[in-house]
Amino acid sequence: MDFEFIYKICTKAEWLKAKKEGKFLGSKKDIEDGFIHFSNKDQLKGTLSKYFLNQKDLVLLKVEALKLNNLIYEQASDGNMFPHLYAHLDISHVYNDYEININAEGNHILPI
């Protein structure tokens, strides 16, 4: 498991709003749950298929995990450990952002 970077999938609109405000407060689900959901690199395909099936206009944020306060790895119902941020995400900790495209079959193409 790579502890240097974690990843957040969000919509282009959410990312544009965060860049304008200088911080990402989370998606609707994040706000409802009280923390921002992240994935490790090897968890991204599962997260996309479970929560973003056939959804367009998505962005992948590559975030410097070691710079985050209030980041906790917690066990999900499937037994996997996922990083959760119990604070807003300052966009200065976003190392890079990538557009997530969809192929003709409706599958997401990860840019990393």
N, C-alpha and C. Protein backbone atom coordinates (compact mmCIF):
# COMPACT_ATOMS: atom_id res chain seq x y z
N MET A 1 0.84 -1.19 0.00
CA MET A 1 0.00 0.00 0.00
C MET A 1 0.88 1.25 0.00
N ASP A 2 0.55 2.18 -0.87
CA ASP A 2 1.31 3.43 -0.99
C ASP A 2 0.72 4.47 -0.04
N PHE A 3 1.51 4.90 0.91
CA PHE A 3 1.02 5.90 1.87
C PHE A 3 1.36 7.33 1.45
N GLU A 4 2.13 7.48 0.35
CA GLU A 4 2.51 8.82 -0.09
C GLU A 4 1.35 9.56 -0.76
N PHE A 5 0.58 8.83 -1.58
CA PHE A 5 -0.52 9.45 -2.31
C PHE A 5 -1.83 8.68 -2.07
N ILE A 6 -2.92 9.42 -2.00
CA ILE A 6 -4.26 8.86 -2.00
C ILE A 6 -5.04 9.57 -3.10
N TYR A 7 -6.20 9.04 -3.44
CA TYR A 7 -6.91 9.53 -4.60
C TYR A 7 -8.39 9.80 -4.28
N LYS A 8 -8.88 10.88 -4.87
CA LYS A 8 -10.29 11.25 -4.72
C LYS A 8 -10.90 11.38 -6.10
N ILE A 9 -12.05 10.76 -6.28
CA ILE A 9 -12.81 10.89 -7.51
C ILE A 9 -13.94 11.88 -7.22
N CYS A 10 -14.06 12.88 -8.07
CA CYS A 10 -15.14 13.85 -7.91
C CYS A 10 -15.59 14.32 -9.29
N THR A 11 -16.64 15.10 -9.32
CA THR A 11 -17.10 15.63 -10.60
C THR A 11 -16.27 16.85 -10.98
N LYS A 12 -16.28 17.18 -12.25
CA LYS A 12 -15.58 18.38 -12.71
C LYS A 12 -16.13 19.61 -12.01
N ALA A 13 -17.45 19.67 -11.84
CA ALA A 13 -18.08 20.82 -11.19
C ALA A 13 -17.60 20.96 -9.74
N GLU A 14 -17.51 19.84 -9.02
CA GLU A 14 -17.02 19.89 -7.64
C GLU A 14 -15.57 20.37 -7.59
N TRP A 15 -14.74 19.92 -8.53
CA TRP A 15 -13.34 20.31 -8.55
C TRP A 15 -13.18 21.79 -8.92
N LEU A 16 -13.95 22.27 -9.87
CA LEU A 16 -13.90 23.69 -10.23
C LEU A 16 -14.30 24.57 -9.06
N LYS A 17 -15.33 24.17 -8.34
CA LYS A 17 -15.76 24.91 -7.15
C LYS A 17 -14.66 24.92 -6.09
N ALA A 18 -14.03 23.78 -5.87
CA ALA A 18 -12.95 23.68 -4.87
C ALA A 18 -11.78 24.57 -5.25
N LYS A 19 -11.41 24.59 -6.53
CA LYS A 19 -10.30 25.43 -6.97
C LYS A 19 -10.63 26.91 -6.76
N LYS A 20 -11.86 27.26 -6.96
CA LYS A 20 -12.27 28.66 -6.77
C LYS A 20 -12.22 29.03 -5.29
N GLU A 21 -12.61 28.10 -4.41
CA GLU A 21 -12.67 28.36 -2.97
C GLU A 21 -11.36 28.06 -2.24
N GLY A 22 -10.45 27.32 -2.89
CA GLY A 22 -9.19 26.96 -2.26
C GLY A 22 -9.26 25.75 -1.36
N LYS A 23 -10.43 25.13 -1.30
CA LYS A 23 -10.59 23.93 -0.47
C LYS A 23 -11.74 23.09 -1.01
N PHE A 24 -11.62 21.79 -0.78
CA PHE A 24 -12.65 20.84 -1.19
C PHE A 24 -13.34 20.35 0.08
N LEU A 25 -14.62 20.60 0.17
CA LEU A 25 -15.38 20.18 1.35
C LEU A 25 -15.93 18.77 1.21
N GLY A 26 -15.89 18.25 0.00
CA GLY A 26 -16.38 16.90 -0.23
C GLY A 26 -17.59 16.89 -1.14
N SER A 27 -17.91 15.71 -1.62
CA SER A 27 -19.11 15.51 -2.41
C SER A 27 -20.31 15.41 -1.46
N LYS A 28 -21.48 15.25 -2.03
CA LYS A 28 -22.70 15.12 -1.21
C LYS A 28 -22.56 13.95 -0.23
N LYS A 29 -22.09 12.81 -0.71
CA LYS A 29 -21.92 11.62 0.16
C LYS A 29 -20.90 11.89 1.26
N ASP A 30 -19.80 12.57 0.93
CA ASP A 30 -18.78 12.90 1.93
C ASP A 30 -19.39 13.76 3.04
N ILE A 31 -20.11 14.78 2.64
CA ILE A 31 -20.72 15.70 3.62
C ILE A 31 -21.72 14.95 4.49
N GLU A 32 -22.51 14.07 3.89
CA GLU A 32 -23.47 13.27 4.66
C GLU A 32 -22.77 12.36 5.67
N ASP A 33 -21.62 11.79 5.27
CA ASP A 33 -20.90 10.84 6.13
C ASP A 33 -19.99 11.52 7.14
N GLY A 34 -19.70 12.81 6.95
CA GLY A 34 -18.86 13.54 7.91
C GLY A 34 -17.37 13.43 7.66
N PHE A 35 -16.97 12.90 6.51
CA PHE A 35 -15.56 12.81 6.15
C PHE A 35 -15.46 12.67 4.64
N ILE A 36 -14.27 12.95 4.10
CA ILE A 36 -14.04 12.83 2.67
C ILE A 36 -13.48 11.44 2.39
N HIS A 37 -14.16 10.72 1.50
CA HIS A 37 -13.75 9.37 1.11
C HIS A 37 -12.60 9.44 0.10
N PHE A 38 -11.57 8.68 0.35
CA PHE A 38 -10.44 8.55 -0.58
C PHE A 38 -10.23 7.08 -0.88
N SER A 39 -9.40 6.81 -1.87
CA SER A 39 -9.01 5.45 -2.22
C SER A 39 -7.50 5.41 -2.40
N ASN A 40 -6.93 4.24 -2.20
CA ASN A 40 -5.56 4.01 -2.61
C ASN A 40 -5.59 3.67 -4.09
N LYS A 41 -4.45 3.72 -4.73
CA LYS A 41 -4.39 3.50 -6.18
C LYS A 41 -5.01 2.16 -6.58
N ASP A 42 -4.75 1.11 -5.82
CA ASP A 42 -5.27 -0.21 -6.17
C ASP A 42 -6.76 -0.37 -5.88
N GLN A 43 -7.39 0.60 -5.23
CA GLN A 43 -8.81 0.56 -4.93
C GLN A 43 -9.66 1.37 -5.92
N LEU A 44 -9.01 2.10 -6.81
CA LEU A 44 -9.72 3.03 -7.69
C LEU A 44 -10.73 2.36 -8.63
N LYS A 45 -10.35 1.26 -9.26
CA LYS A 45 -11.27 0.58 -10.18
C LYS A 45 -12.54 0.13 -9.45
N GLY A 46 -12.38 -0.40 -8.26
CA GLY A 46 -13.54 -0.83 -7.48
C GLY A 46 -14.43 0.33 -7.08
N THR A 47 -13.81 1.44 -6.69
CA THR A 47 -14.57 2.63 -6.31
C THR A 47 -15.34 3.17 -7.51
N LEU A 48 -14.70 3.23 -8.66
CA LEU A 48 -15.37 3.70 -9.87
C LEU A 48 -16.57 2.83 -10.23
N SER A 49 -16.39 1.51 -10.19
CA SER A 49 -17.49 0.63 -10.59
C SER A 49 -18.62 0.61 -9.56
N LYS A 50 -18.30 0.81 -8.29
CA LYS A 50 -19.33 0.77 -7.25
C LYS A 50 -20.11 2.08 -7.14
N TYR A 51 -19.44 3.21 -7.28
CA TYR A 51 -20.09 4.49 -7.00
C TYR A 51 -20.25 5.41 -8.21
N PHE A 52 -19.57 5.13 -9.32
CA PHE A 52 -19.57 6.06 -10.44
C PHE A 52 -19.87 5.38 -11.78
N LEU A 53 -20.58 4.28 -11.76
CA LEU A 53 -20.85 3.50 -12.96
C LEU A 53 -21.46 4.38 -14.06
N ASN A 54 -20.84 4.38 -15.23
CA ASN A 54 -21.29 5.13 -16.41
C ASN A 54 -21.35 6.64 -16.22
N GLN A 55 -20.82 7.16 -15.14
CA GLN A 55 -20.86 8.60 -14.89
C GLN A 55 -19.74 9.30 -15.66
N LYS A 56 -20.10 10.41 -16.30
CA LYS A 56 -19.14 11.19 -17.06
C LYS A 56 -18.72 12.42 -16.26
N ASP A 57 -17.79 13.18 -16.84
CA ASP A 57 -17.31 14.43 -16.24
C ASP A 57 -16.71 14.23 -14.86
N LEU A 58 -15.86 13.21 -14.75
CA LEU A 58 -15.19 12.92 -13.49
C LEU A 58 -13.73 13.35 -13.53
N VAL A 59 -13.22 13.67 -12.36
CA VAL A 59 -11.83 14.07 -12.19
C VAL A 59 -11.21 13.19 -11.11
N LEU A 60 -9.96 12.83 -11.29
CA LEU A 60 -9.21 12.08 -10.30
C LEU A 60 -8.18 13.02 -9.68
N LEU A 61 -8.25 13.18 -8.37
CA LEU A 61 -7.29 14.00 -7.65
C LEU A 61 -6.24 13.11 -7.00
N LYS A 62 -4.98 13.40 -7.27
CA LYS A 62 -3.86 12.70 -6.63
C LYS A 62 -3.39 13.60 -5.49
N VAL A 63 -3.53 13.13 -4.27
CA VAL A 63 -3.34 13.96 -3.08
C VAL A 63 -2.15 13.47 -2.26
N GLU A 64 -1.36 14.41 -1.77
CA GLU A 64 -0.21 14.09 -0.93
C GLU A 64 -0.70 13.75 0.48
N ALA A 65 -0.79 12.47 0.74
CA ALA A 65 -1.39 12.00 1.99
C ALA A 65 -0.61 12.42 3.24
N LEU A 66 0.70 12.44 3.14
CA LEU A 66 1.52 12.72 4.32
C LEU A 66 1.39 14.17 4.81
N LYS A 67 0.82 15.03 4.00
CA LYS A 67 0.63 16.42 4.39
C LYS A 67 -0.73 16.67 5.05
N LEU A 68 -1.57 15.65 5.12
CA LEU A 68 -2.93 15.82 5.62
C LEU A 68 -3.02 15.53 7.12
N ASN A 69 -3.65 16.43 7.83
CA ASN A 69 -4.01 16.16 9.22
C ASN A 69 -5.40 15.52 9.22
N ASN A 70 -5.69 14.76 10.23
CA ASN A 70 -7.01 14.14 10.39
C ASN A 70 -7.33 13.11 9.32
N LEU A 71 -6.30 12.44 8.78
CA LEU A 71 -6.49 11.35 7.84
C LEU A 71 -6.42 10.04 8.62
N ILE A 72 -7.45 9.24 8.48
CA ILE A 72 -7.53 7.98 9.22
C ILE A 72 -7.89 6.86 8.24
N TYR A 73 -7.18 5.75 8.34
CA TYR A 73 -7.53 4.56 7.55
C TYR A 73 -8.54 3.75 8.36
N GLU A 74 -9.68 3.50 7.74
CA GLU A 74 -10.75 2.78 8.43
C GLU A 74 -11.22 1.62 7.57
N GLN A 75 -11.68 0.58 8.26
CA GLN A 75 -12.12 -0.63 7.58
C GLN A 75 -13.54 -0.47 7.06
N ALA A 76 -13.72 -0.80 5.79
CA ALA A 76 -15.04 -0.76 5.15
C ALA A 76 -15.74 -2.09 5.41
N SER A 77 -17.00 -2.16 5.03
CA SER A 77 -17.79 -3.38 5.25
C SER A 77 -17.23 -4.58 4.50
N ASP A 78 -16.45 -4.33 3.43
CA ASP A 78 -15.86 -5.44 2.68
C ASP A 78 -14.50 -5.88 3.23
N GLY A 79 -14.07 -5.24 4.33
CA GLY A 79 -12.81 -5.59 4.97
C GLY A 79 -11.61 -4.77 4.52
N ASN A 80 -11.73 -4.02 3.43
CA ASN A 80 -10.63 -3.19 2.95
C ASN A 80 -10.46 -1.95 3.81
N MET A 81 -9.24 -1.47 3.89
CA MET A 81 -8.93 -0.24 4.63
C MET A 81 -8.92 0.93 3.65
N PHE A 82 -9.74 1.93 3.94
CA PHE A 82 -9.83 3.11 3.09
C PHE A 82 -9.44 4.36 3.86
N PRO A 83 -8.75 5.30 3.19
CA PRO A 83 -8.39 6.56 3.84
C PRO A 83 -9.59 7.51 3.88
N HIS A 84 -9.82 8.08 5.05
CA HIS A 84 -10.90 9.03 5.26
C HIS A 84 -10.32 10.30 5.87
N LEU A 85 -10.68 11.43 5.32
CA LEU A 85 -10.19 12.72 5.82
C LEU A 85 -11.30 13.41 6.60
N TYR A 86 -11.05 13.60 7.89
CA TYR A 86 -12.01 14.26 8.78
C TYR A 86 -11.70 15.75 8.86
N ALA A 87 -11.67 16.39 7.72
CA ALA A 87 -11.41 17.83 7.59
C ALA A 87 -11.64 18.16 6.12
N HIS A 88 -11.61 19.45 5.79
CA HIS A 88 -11.67 19.80 4.37
C HIS A 88 -10.29 19.51 3.75
N LEU A 89 -10.27 19.42 2.44
CA LEU A 89 -9.02 19.20 1.72
C LEU A 89 -8.55 20.54 1.16
N ASP A 90 -7.43 21.01 1.65
CA ASP A 90 -6.82 22.22 1.10
C ASP A 90 -6.26 21.84 -0.27
N ILE A 91 -6.64 22.57 -1.31
CA ILE A 91 -6.26 22.16 -2.66
C ILE A 91 -4.74 22.25 -2.90
N SER A 92 -4.02 22.91 -2.02
CA SER A 92 -2.56 22.94 -2.17
C SER A 92 -1.94 21.56 -1.97
N HIS A 93 -2.69 20.62 -1.39
CA HIS A 93 -2.20 19.26 -1.17
C HIS A 93 -2.53 18.33 -2.34
N VAL A 94 -3.20 18.88 -3.36
CA VAL A 94 -3.49 18.09 -4.56
C VAL A 94 -2.26 18.15 -5.45
N TYR A 95 -1.61 17.01 -5.60
CA TYR A 95 -0.38 16.91 -6.38
C TYR A 95 -0.66 17.06 -7.87
N ASN A 96 -1.76 16.47 -8.31
CA ASN A 96 -2.14 16.54 -9.72
C ASN A 96 -3.62 16.19 -9.86
N ASP A 97 -4.22 16.64 -10.95
CA ASP A 97 -5.59 16.25 -11.26
C ASP A 97 -5.64 15.72 -12.68
N TYR A 98 -6.53 14.75 -12.90
CA TYR A 98 -6.62 14.06 -14.18
C TYR A 98 -8.09 13.91 -14.56
N GLU A 99 -8.37 14.05 -15.84
CA GLU A 99 -9.70 13.78 -16.34
C GLU A 99 -9.86 12.26 -16.47
N ILE A 100 -11.01 11.76 -16.07
CA ILE A 100 -11.31 10.33 -16.22
C ILE A 100 -12.23 10.19 -17.43
N ASN A 101 -11.76 9.51 -18.46
CA ASN A 101 -12.55 9.31 -19.67
C ASN A 101 -13.30 7.99 -19.62
N ILE A 102 -14.27 7.85 -20.51
CA ILE A 102 -15.07 6.63 -20.62
C ILE A 102 -14.91 6.11 -22.05
N ASN A 103 -14.70 4.79 -22.19
CA ASN A 103 -14.59 4.21 -23.52
C ASN A 103 -15.97 3.89 -24.09
N ALA A 104 -16.02 3.35 -25.29
CA ALA A 104 -17.28 3.08 -25.99
C ALA A 104 -18.16 2.08 -25.25
N GLU A 105 -17.53 1.22 -24.45
CA GLU A 105 -18.30 0.23 -23.69
C GLU A 105 -18.84 0.78 -22.37
N GLY A 106 -18.51 2.03 -22.07
CA GLY A 106 -18.99 2.66 -20.83
C GLY A 106 -18.07 2.44 -19.65
N ASN A 107 -16.86 1.94 -19.88
CA ASN A 107 -15.91 1.71 -18.81
C ASN A 107 -14.99 2.92 -18.62
N HIS A 108 -14.70 3.25 -17.38
CA HIS A 108 -13.79 4.35 -17.11
C HIS A 108 -12.35 3.95 -17.43
N ILE A 109 -11.60 4.90 -17.94
CA ILE A 109 -10.20 4.69 -18.26
C ILE A 109 -9.40 5.50 -17.24
N LEU A 110 -8.71 4.81 -16.35
CA LEU A 110 -7.91 5.50 -15.35
C LEU A 110 -6.68 6.12 -15.99
N PRO A 111 -6.40 7.37 -15.67
CA PRO A 111 -5.27 8.07 -16.30
C PRO A 111 -3.92 7.78 -15.65
N ILE A 112 -3.90 6.96 -14.62
CA ILE A 112 -2.64 6.66 -13.94
C ILE A 112 -2.41 5.16 -13.89
